Amino acid sequence: MDKLFVYGIFLDEGNRNAYGMSNPHYATVPNWATVGGYIVEAVPCKGATLTGLLVDMDETRWERLDQLERGYIRTTVQTTEGINAYMYAGGIPDEEVK
């Protein structure tokens, strides 16, 4: 999979470019919300929706991005348009994210 759903610092074009993300367009994932202030994380939240960007990810850059996001879990989500993508979520085991 080469799609990544981003929110937070990766809404910034410079940050996306630094990590090999391209072709951004708005997308929404159901049953997720962000929490936090200065640092935000996505958490499951039934009935909520999270809007961010869906980007293409340079497959050679995943390791570097995983290192940056090491405090999060890379999980899979499906946008309201039916596109499967990875997303970094805050400490939620994959089997609990529905």
Protein backbone atom coordinates (compact mmCIF):
# COMPACT_ATOMS: atom_id res chain seq x y z
CA MET A 1 0.00 0.00 0.00
CA ASP A 2 1.38 3.40 -0.89
CA LYS A 3 -1.37 5.65 0.47
CA LEU A 4 -1.12 7.48 3.77
CA PHE A 5 -3.82 9.49 5.54
CA VAL A 6 -2.21 12.43 7.34
CA TYR A 7 -3.30 15.07 9.84
CA GLY A 8 -1.33 17.30 12.21
CA ILE A 9 2.18 18.32 11.10
CA PHE A 10 1.80 16.73 7.68
CA LEU A 11 -0.91 19.17 6.68
CA ASP A 12 2.13 21.39 6.04
CA GLU A 13 3.50 21.04 2.50
CA GLY A 14 7.14 21.40 3.58
CA ASN A 15 6.83 18.54 6.06
CA ARG A 16 5.14 16.34 3.44
CA ASN A 17 7.86 17.05 0.90
CA ALA A 18 10.59 16.22 3.42
CA TYR A 19 9.16 12.72 3.86
CA GLY A 20 8.37 11.87 0.24
CA MET A 21 4.62 12.48 0.28
CA SER A 22 2.95 13.67 -2.90
CA ASN A 23 -0.41 14.17 -4.61
CA PRO A 24 -2.32 15.43 -1.53
CA HIS A 25 -6.08 15.68 -1.58
CA TYR A 26 -8.65 16.05 1.17
CA ALA A 27 -10.15 12.88 2.58
CA THR A 28 -12.19 11.82 5.58
CA VAL A 29 -12.02 8.70 7.73
CA PRO A 30 -15.04 7.71 9.81
CA ASN A 31 -14.93 6.80 13.51
CA TRP A 32 -11.70 8.66 14.26
CA ALA A 33 -10.96 11.97 16.00
CA THR A 34 -7.85 13.81 17.11
CA VAL A 35 -7.02 14.64 20.70
CA GLY A 36 -4.33 16.85 22.14
CA GLY A 37 -3.16 20.38 21.68
CA TYR A 38 0.39 21.06 20.56
CA ILE A 39 0.85 17.39 19.69
CA VAL A 40 -2.24 15.65 18.33
CA GLU A 41 -2.97 11.98 17.86
CA ALA A 42 -5.77 10.10 16.18
CA VAL A 43 -7.91 7.86 18.38
CA PRO A 44 -10.99 5.77 17.60
CA CYS A 45 -14.20 7.66 18.28
CA LYS A 46 -17.45 6.06 17.14
CA GLY A 47 -19.60 8.47 15.17
CA ALA A 48 -16.83 11.03 14.65
CA THR A 49 -15.05 11.84 11.41
CA LEU A 50 -11.49 12.98 10.87
CA THR A 51 -10.63 15.11 7.86
CA GLY A 52 -7.05 15.31 6.65
CA LEU A 53 -5.07 14.61 3.51
CA LEU A 54 -4.64 11.41 1.57
CA VAL A 55 -1.15 11.31 0.06
CA ASP A 56 0.95 9.01 -2.06
CA MET A 57 3.94 7.78 -0.10
CA ASP A 58 7.36 7.15 -1.65
CA GLU A 59 7.89 3.48 -0.77
CA THR A 60 11.59 4.09 -0.01
CA ARG A 61 10.70 6.58 2.76
CA TRP A 62 8.56 4.37 5.05
CA GLU A 63 11.47 3.46 7.35
CA ARG A 64 12.36 7.11 7.93
CA LEU A 65 8.72 8.01 8.58
CA ASP A 66 8.26 5.04 10.94
CA GLN A 67 11.25 6.33 12.94
CA LEU A 68 9.71 9.80 13.20
CA GLU A 69 6.31 8.38 14.19
CA ARG A 70 7.70 5.69 16.53
CA GLY A 71 5.39 6.79 19.35
CA TYR A 72 2.39 5.88 17.19
CA ILE A 73 1.07 2.70 15.62
CA ARG A 74 0.78 2.52 11.84
CA THR A 75 -2.68 1.12 11.26
CA THR A 76 -4.99 0.86 8.28
CA VAL A 77 -8.08 2.94 7.68
CA GLN A 78 -10.62 3.29 4.91
CA THR A 79 -11.71 6.72 3.74
CA THR A 80 -15.34 7.57 3.12
CA GLU A 81 -14.48 7.22 -0.59
CA GLY A 82 -13.48 3.57 0.01
CA ILE A 83 -9.72 4.05 -0.33
CA ASN A 84 -7.51 2.00 2.00
CA ALA A 85 -4.58 3.83 3.52
CA TYR A 86 -2.16 3.73 6.41
CA MET A 87 -2.50 6.20 9.26
CA TYR A 88 -0.45 6.74 12.41
CA ALA A 89 -2.64 6.43 15.51
CA GLY A 90 -1.87 6.98 19.17
CA GLY A 91 -1.26 3.77 21.05
CA ILE A 92 -4.30 1.87 19.83
CA PRO A 93 -3.74 -1.82 19.00
CA ASP A 94 -4.89 -2.65 15.47
CA GLU A 95 -7.52 -5.14 16.62
CA GLU A 96 -9.24 -2.44 18.70
CA VAL A 97 -9.56 0.01 15.78
CA LYS A 98 -12.83 -0.62 13.95
